[in-house]
Protein backbone atom coordinates (compact mmCIF):
# COMPACT_ATOMS: atom_id res chain seq x y z
CA MET A 1 75.44 139.04 197.56
CA THR A 2 76.80 142.49 198.31
CA GLU A 3 77.51 145.12 195.65
CA ALA A 4 81.24 144.82 196.37
CA GLU A 5 81.12 141.07 195.76
CA SER A 6 79.10 141.54 192.58
CA LYS A 7 81.69 143.97 191.21
CA ILE A 8 84.41 141.41 191.79
CA LEU A 9 82.52 138.59 190.04
CA ASP A 10 81.58 140.60 186.95
CA GLY A 11 84.92 142.47 186.71
CA ARG A 12 83.64 145.96 187.38
CA VAL A 13 86.09 146.33 190.26
CA TRP A 14 88.98 146.11 187.78
CA ALA A 15 87.30 148.24 185.11
CA GLU A 16 86.66 151.01 187.63
CA PHE A 17 90.28 150.80 188.78
CA CYS A 18 91.50 151.18 185.19
CA ASP A 19 89.13 154.08 184.54
CA ALA A 20 90.36 155.88 187.66
CA LEU A 21 93.97 155.26 186.66
CA LYS A 22 93.39 156.73 183.21
CA GLN A 23 91.90 159.85 184.80
CA ALA A 24 94.80 160.14 187.24
CA GLY A 25 97.26 160.17 184.33
CA GLU A 26 95.74 163.43 183.12
CA VAL A 27 97.73 165.17 185.87
CA VAL A 28 100.74 164.87 183.55
CA LEU A 29 98.89 166.73 180.79
CA ARG A 30 97.98 169.77 182.85
CA PRO A 31 98.92 173.11 181.22
CA GLU A 32 101.45 174.14 183.88
CA VAL A 33 103.62 171.11 183.07
CA PRO A 34 106.46 171.88 180.62
CA GLN A 35 105.52 170.79 177.12
CA ASP A 36 108.74 168.94 176.24
CA VAL A 37 108.67 165.19 175.68
CA TYR A 38 111.25 164.43 178.37
CA THR A 39 109.34 166.12 181.20
CA ARG A 40 106.10 164.46 180.09
CA ALA A 41 107.79 161.06 179.91
CA ILE A 42 109.19 161.46 183.42
CA GLY A 43 105.72 162.52 184.55
CA PHE A 44 104.11 159.32 183.29
CA ARG A 45 106.93 157.28 184.82
CA CYS A 46 106.37 159.15 188.08
CA MET A 47 102.66 158.29 188.06
CA ALA A 48 103.47 154.61 187.44
CA GLN A 49 105.91 154.63 190.33
CA LEU A 50 103.39 156.37 192.59
CA LEU A 51 100.84 153.71 191.68
CA ARG A 52 103.31 151.03 192.82
CA ALA A 53 103.66 152.88 196.10
CA GLY A 54 99.90 153.16 196.41
CA LEU A 55 99.30 149.47 195.79
CA GLU A 56 101.83 148.51 198.43
CA SER A 57 100.25 150.91 200.90
CA THR A 58 96.61 149.97 200.31
CA LEU A 59 96.92 146.26 199.44
CA ASP A 60 100.19 144.54 200.30
CA TYR A 61 100.89 146.20 203.65
CA ALA A 62 97.45 147.55 204.53
CA ASP A 63 96.46 145.30 207.43
CA ALA A 64 96.96 147.23 210.67
CA GLN A 65 96.45 144.06 212.73
CA PHE A 66 99.25 142.24 210.87
CA PRO A 67 101.62 145.12 210.18
CA ALA A 68 105.01 145.25 208.49
CA PHE A 69 107.37 148.02 207.47
CA PHE A 70 107.57 148.82 203.76
CA ARG A 71 109.24 151.51 201.67
CA LEU A 72 106.68 153.89 200.23
CA ALA A 73 109.61 155.85 198.74
CA ASP A 74 112.87 154.17 197.74
CA GLU A 75 115.53 154.18 195.02
CA THR A 76 112.93 153.70 192.24
CA LYS A 77 109.74 155.07 193.84
CA LYS A 78 110.27 158.73 194.57
CA MET A 79 108.10 161.62 195.68
CA LEU A 80 108.02 165.11 197.24
CA ASN A 81 111.79 165.67 197.27
CA ASP A 82 112.63 162.36 198.94
CA ASN A 83 116.00 162.52 200.70
CA PRO A 84 118.90 160.55 199.11
CA ASP A 85 120.52 160.43 202.57
CA ASN A 86 117.48 158.62 204.01
CA ILE A 87 115.97 155.21 204.07
CA TYR A 88 112.26 155.70 204.61
CA TYR A 89 109.95 153.08 206.07
CA ASN A 90 106.19 153.26 206.44
CA CYS A 91 103.84 151.06 208.41
CA VAL A 92 100.04 151.06 208.41
CA ILE A 93 98.64 151.00 211.96
CA ASP A 94 95.37 151.63 213.75
CA GLY A 95 95.49 153.76 216.88
CA ARG A 96 93.02 151.46 218.59
CA PHE A 97 95.73 148.79 218.85
CA ASP A 98 99.07 148.51 220.65
CA TYR A 99 102.31 147.53 218.91
CA ARG A 100 105.86 146.48 219.69
CA ILE A 101 108.79 147.44 217.45
CA ARG A 102 112.06 145.54 217.80
CA GLY A 103 115.30 146.18 215.99
CA ASN A 104 118.97 147.04 215.92
CA ARG A 105 120.22 150.52 215.15
CA GLY A 106 123.11 149.43 212.89
CA THR A 107 125.53 152.31 212.33
CA VAL A 108 123.00 154.89 211.11
CA GLN A 109 123.79 158.44 212.27
CA TRP A 110 120.26 159.33 213.35
CA PHE A 111 116.78 157.94 212.92
CA SER A 112 113.28 158.95 213.93
CA LEU A 113 109.84 157.40 214.12
CA GLY A 114 106.64 159.42 213.91
CA SER A 115 103.02 158.33 214.20
CA LYS A 116 100.62 160.12 211.88
CA GLY A 117 96.86 160.50 211.99
CA SER A 118 94.26 160.73 209.26
CA SER A 119 92.69 163.99 208.13
CA THR A 120 89.75 165.01 205.98
CA ASP A 121 92.12 167.26 203.98
CA VAL A 122 93.69 165.57 200.95
CA GLY A 123 97.41 165.08 201.38
CA ARG A 124 97.40 166.11 205.04
CA MET A 125 98.81 164.08 207.93
CA VAL A 126 98.33 164.88 211.62
CA ASP A 127 101.33 164.45 213.90
CA THR A 128 100.34 162.16 216.79
CA GLY A 129 103.70 161.24 218.34
CA ASN A 130 107.46 161.10 217.80
CA ILE A 131 110.61 159.47 219.13
CA ASP A 132 114.16 159.58 217.76
CA SER A 133 117.45 157.81 218.37
CA LYS A 134 118.80 160.61 220.58
CA GLU A 135 115.97 160.00 223.06
CA MET A 136 116.07 156.20 223.02
CA HIS A 137 117.77 153.58 225.16
CA PHE A 138 119.80 150.90 223.35
CA ALA A 139 121.40 147.71 224.57
CA ASP A 140 125.17 147.38 224.22
CA ASP A 141 124.77 145.51 220.92
CA GLY A 142 122.55 148.28 219.48
CA SER A 143 119.27 146.39 219.89
CA PHE A 144 116.15 148.18 221.07
CA GLU A 145 112.43 147.83 221.67
CA ILE A 146 109.75 150.50 221.29
CA LEU A 147 106.19 150.22 222.55
CA VAL A 148 103.58 151.99 220.42
CA SER A 149 100.30 152.94 222.08
CA SER A 150 97.91 155.74 222.99
CA THR A 151 98.67 155.27 226.71
CA PRO A 152 102.15 155.96 228.16
CA LYS A 153 104.55 153.02 228.48
CA PRO A 154 107.88 152.68 230.31
CA GLY A 155 111.13 152.82 228.32
CA ASN A 156 111.10 153.68 224.63
CA TRP A 157 107.55 154.75 223.78
CA LEU A 158 106.08 156.08 220.52
CA PRO A 159 102.79 157.84 221.35
CA THR A 160 99.72 157.38 219.17
CA GLN A 161 96.14 158.56 219.24
CA PRO A 162 92.97 156.64 218.28
CA SER A 163 93.14 158.46 214.92
CA SER A 164 96.72 157.30 214.17
CA ARG A 165 97.00 155.42 210.88
CA MET A 166 100.67 155.38 209.90
CA ILE A 167 104.21 155.22 211.25
CA ILE A 168 106.94 156.95 209.24
CA VAL A 169 110.58 156.06 209.88
CA ARG A 170 113.54 158.12 208.66
CA GLU A 171 117.02 156.64 208.86
CA THR A 172 119.51 159.39 208.04
CA PHE A 173 123.04 158.55 206.94
CA GLY A 174 126.28 160.47 206.89
CA ARG A 175 128.08 158.30 204.34
CA ARG A 176 125.34 156.01 203.12
CA SER A 177 127.49 153.50 201.25
CA GLU A 178 129.65 152.87 204.33
CA GLU A 179 126.89 152.41 206.93
CA ILE A 180 124.63 149.61 208.14
CA PRO A 181 120.94 150.55 208.18
CA ALA A 182 118.78 150.05 211.23
CA ASP A 183 116.71 146.86 211.16
CA LEU A 184 113.06 147.03 212.28
CA THR A 185 110.17 144.62 212.82
CA ILE A 186 106.72 145.31 214.25
CA GLU A 187 103.88 143.27 215.70
CA CYS A 188 100.37 144.11 216.85
CA LEU A 189 99.95 143.09 220.49
CA ASN A 190 96.16 142.87 220.61
CA PRO A 191 94.73 141.93 217.18
CA GLU A 192 91.05 141.10 216.84
CA ARG A 193 91.41 138.72 213.87
CA ALA A 194 93.21 135.39 213.62
CA ASN A 195 94.68 135.90 210.13
CA ASN A 196 95.34 138.49 207.46
CA ASN A 197 93.32 136.92 204.63
CA LEU A 198 92.12 139.33 201.96
CA GLN A 199 88.96 141.15 203.00
CA VAL A 200 87.09 140.91 199.69
CA GLU A 201 84.65 143.67 200.59
CA ALA A 202 87.57 146.10 200.82
CA LEU A 203 89.23 145.25 197.48
CA GLY A 204 87.49 147.91 195.40
CA ASN A 205 88.16 150.68 197.90
CA SER A 206 91.79 149.57 198.21
CA LEU A 207 92.35 149.74 194.45
CA GLN A 208 90.71 153.16 194.28
CA ALA A 209 92.81 154.37 197.22
CA ALA A 210 95.99 153.30 195.43
CA VAL A 211 95.06 155.41 192.41
CA GLY A 212 94.03 158.22 194.72
CA LEU A 213 97.46 158.25 196.34
CA ALA A 214 99.15 158.59 192.95
CA LYS A 215 96.77 161.32 191.79
CA ASN A 216 96.91 163.28 195.05
CA ILE A 217 100.72 163.28 195.22
CA GLY A 218 100.93 164.22 191.54
CA GLU A 219 98.62 167.17 192.12
CA MET A 220 100.42 168.17 195.32
CA THR A 221 103.72 168.11 193.44
CA LEU A 222 102.46 170.51 190.78
CA ALA A 223 100.93 172.80 193.41
CA TRP A 224 104.15 172.97 195.41
CA GLN A 225 106.35 173.47 192.37
CA GLY A 226 104.02 176.17 191.10
CA ARG A 227 104.25 177.99 194.43
CA TYR A 228 108.05 177.77 194.57
CA LYS A 229 108.44 178.83 190.93
CA ALA A 230 106.21 181.86 191.38
CA LYS A 231 107.76 183.05 194.64
CA HIS A 232 111.46 182.22 194.62
CA THR A 233 112.92 180.46 191.59
CA ASN A 234 116.65 179.86 192.14
CA LEU A 235 116.42 181.08 195.75
CA LEU A 236 116.28 178.77 198.76
CA PRO A 237 114.32 180.31 201.66
CA GLU A 238 112.93 178.34 204.57
CA ASP A 239 109.69 176.65 203.61
CA ASP A 240 106.39 176.95 205.45
CA GLN A 241 107.16 174.45 208.19
CA ALA A 242 103.48 173.86 208.99
CA ILE A 243 102.80 172.82 205.37
CA CYS A 244 105.81 170.48 205.48
CA GLN A 245 104.55 168.87 208.69
CA ARG A 246 101.06 168.39 207.27
CA ALA A 247 102.61 166.48 204.36
CA GLY A 248 104.36 164.09 206.75
CA GLY A 249 107.52 166.06 207.51
CA ASP A 250 109.62 165.41 210.61
CA PRO A 251 109.30 168.08 213.34
CA ASN A 252 113.04 167.69 214.00
CA ILE A 253 113.86 168.96 210.50
CA HIS A 254 113.91 172.57 209.31
CA TYR A 255 113.06 172.56 205.60
CA TYR A 256 114.14 174.83 202.71
CA GLN A 257 112.59 174.32 199.28
CA THR A 258 112.67 175.95 195.88
CA TYR A 259 112.31 175.55 192.13
CA TRP A 260 115.46 175.84 190.04
CA GLU A 261 115.79 176.69 186.35
CA LEU A 262 119.12 177.04 184.55
CA ALA A 263 120.08 177.91 180.99
CA PRO A 264 122.87 175.87 179.36
CA ASP A 265 125.47 178.54 180.22
CA GLU A 266 124.29 179.08 183.82
CA ALA A 267 124.97 177.51 187.20
CA LEU A 268 123.50 177.93 190.66
CA LEU A 269 125.97 178.76 193.42
CA ILE A 270 124.78 177.85 196.93
CA GLU A 271 126.90 179.50 199.64
CA LEU A 272 126.44 178.09 203.14
CA ASP A 273 128.31 180.46 205.42
CA ASP A 274 125.97 180.28 208.43
CA ILE A 275 125.50 176.54 209.05
CA PRO A 276 123.92 176.13 212.49
CA VAL A 277 124.76 173.56 215.13
CA CYS A 278 122.85 170.46 214.02
CA GLU A 279 122.86 166.68 213.90
CA THR A 280 123.32 166.90 210.15
CA TRP A 281 122.39 169.00 207.16
CA ASN A 282 121.93 168.18 203.50
CA LEU A 283 121.09 169.66 200.13
CA GLN A 284 119.60 167.67 197.26
CA ILE A 285 118.19 168.26 193.81
CA SER A 286 115.23 166.67 192.08
CA ASN A 287 113.48 166.68 188.73
CA HIS A 288 110.37 168.70 187.84
CA TRP A 289 108.22 166.06 189.56
CA MET A 290 110.09 166.49 192.86
CA GLN A 291 111.74 163.08 192.55
CA SER A 292 115.35 162.96 193.72
CA LEU A 293 117.72 162.40 190.82
CA ASP A 294 119.37 158.99 190.59
CA TYR A 295 121.61 158.94 193.66
CA ARG A 296 122.52 155.30 193.04
CA PHE A 297 124.97 156.38 190.35
CA PHE A 298 125.41 160.17 190.49
CA LYS A 299 126.22 162.87 193.04
CA VAL A 300 122.95 164.76 193.43
CA CYS A 301 123.14 165.36 197.20
CA LEU A 302 125.66 166.60 199.78
CA ASN A 303 125.57 166.61 203.56
CA LYS A 304 127.50 167.51 206.69
CA PHE A 305 129.77 164.49 206.31
CA THR A 306 130.33 164.37 202.55
CA ALA A 307 130.78 168.06 201.68
CA HIS A 308 134.12 169.81 201.21
CA TYR A 309 134.54 172.70 203.67
CA GLU A 310 136.57 175.85 203.08
CA HIS A 311 139.19 176.83 205.67
CA ASP A 312 136.74 179.21 207.34
CA GLY A 313 133.98 176.59 207.61
CA ARG A 314 131.95 177.75 204.62
CA VAL A 315 130.53 175.28 202.11
CA ASN A 316 130.14 176.30 198.47
CA ILE A 317 127.92 174.02 196.37
CA VAL A 318 127.47 174.28 192.61
CA LEU A 319 124.46 173.00 190.70
CA ALA A 320 125.51 172.87 187.07
CA HIS A 321 125.10 170.93 183.86
CA GLU A 322 128.87 170.26 183.70
CA ASP A 323 131.69 169.77 186.19
CA PRO A 324 132.96 173.26 187.15
CA GLY A 325 136.44 171.91 187.88
CA PRO A 326 138.75 171.81 190.90
CA HIS A 327 137.75 175.23 192.27
CA TYR A 328 134.35 173.79 193.23
CA PRO A 329 134.57 170.18 194.45
CA ASN A 330 130.97 170.27 195.74
CA TRP A 331 129.35 169.81 192.32
CA LEU A 332 125.81 168.49 191.98
CA THR A 333 124.95 167.40 188.45
CA THR A 334 121.65 168.31 186.83
CA LEU A 335 121.82 165.12 184.73
CA GLY A 336 120.66 167.17 181.76
CA HIS A 337 117.53 168.58 183.40
CA ALA A 338 116.82 172.27 182.77
CA THR A 339 114.41 172.63 185.72
CA GLY A 340 113.58 170.84 188.93
CA GLY A 341 113.15 170.95 192.65
CA MET A 342 115.70 171.50 195.40
CA LEU A 343 115.49 170.92 199.12
CA GLY A 344 117.78 171.73 202.02
CA ARG A 345 117.47 170.36 205.55
CA TYR A 346 118.92 171.15 208.97
CA VAL A 347 118.24 168.26 211.37
CA LYS A 348 117.78 169.07 215.08
CA SER A 349 119.36 172.46 214.49
CA VAL A 350 119.87 175.43 216.81
CA ASN A 351 118.67 178.77 215.38
CA PRO A 352 118.50 177.74 211.69
CA PRO A 353 118.89 180.64 209.23
CA LYS A 354 116.03 182.06 207.22
CA ALA A 355 117.53 180.93 203.91
CA MET A 356 120.28 178.97 202.25
CA LYS A 357 121.99 181.59 200.09
CA CYS A 358 121.78 181.04 196.31
CA ARG A 359 122.65 183.01 193.22
CA VAL A 360 122.70 182.30 189.49
CA VAL A 361 126.12 182.77 187.88
CA LYS A 362 127.69 182.17 184.50
CA PHE A 363 129.20 178.70 184.29
CA ALA A 364 132.27 180.02 182.48
CA ASP A 365 133.07 182.27 185.44
CA LEU A 366 133.00 179.30 187.79
CA ARG A 367 135.08 177.13 185.54
CA ASP A 368 137.68 179.87 185.11
CA GLY A 369 137.84 180.61 188.83
CA LYS A 370 136.57 184.19 188.48
CA LEU A 371 134.12 184.01 191.40
């Protein structure tokens, strides 16, 4: 009997999982985390949600020879400033194998698929290939097929490398509630096994990897927020694009990130007067744990298609605890949070600016139309 089998029979595999999970939860108690009960509570909820994401990634959808798309981040599992204008899909693959993706594009404005490779650095992904809807061929009814492999294929082809371990899909909407998402399925074309039965030897490592995902993303969140807070609180400069890409970002997207902090009588005025030519743009806010606020019920994000434009093409966006009134229709609510994350994106843009302009103002001045 192997050690892995012995741990399953005597229960150590579960005990070690629980011990690791308890240790991962200590991320929430780190000294740089605000000491209020609400932020701590959201932190523990965040870790529980990240664990759900980890278990799906390492157990439920972990077989690269019998792959399926799943949502690592969705409406109730959020991380690293997830985009409310996106539906994200992930798929575990192995670059040694070939795959076929079939689907229909629906009415989504733009979508992309990227293959990502493993790295020895925690939290780092290596870009191994990309394709997006602007490059693809579709049938008249919107259906499509993509071949996924490390050797070139005719038609729609998503490149991989032997080190590739994941596909990330981003479906980006203009008016999300009015659109039909793209539909995707995937199959491995040359599997070596006949079924996807649980590989008992891998159970312990899979459980530990699920906890590791939660812990690593929690630590990455605090590191990023600490960097933004120290360098440019309430400002929104372009982020380090290389760091964004290493965390799984899309090379078609130019990212802007910051940490915001507002007193009860303050608001943040974001003035976009130099929007570049682009497929779309958006601006969203998140909580201290870089989880998008609840976009199912509240306006916490604006984009190229939903924003109100001034007569000269400018867009003024207000982040505030209360509605600033008719002078500023582009209001994003803080939902009572005093601090959080914020991210802006220009997708497939031409000459994106160095920053999205922000300034802290008095809420009363906005409400009274004095600015």
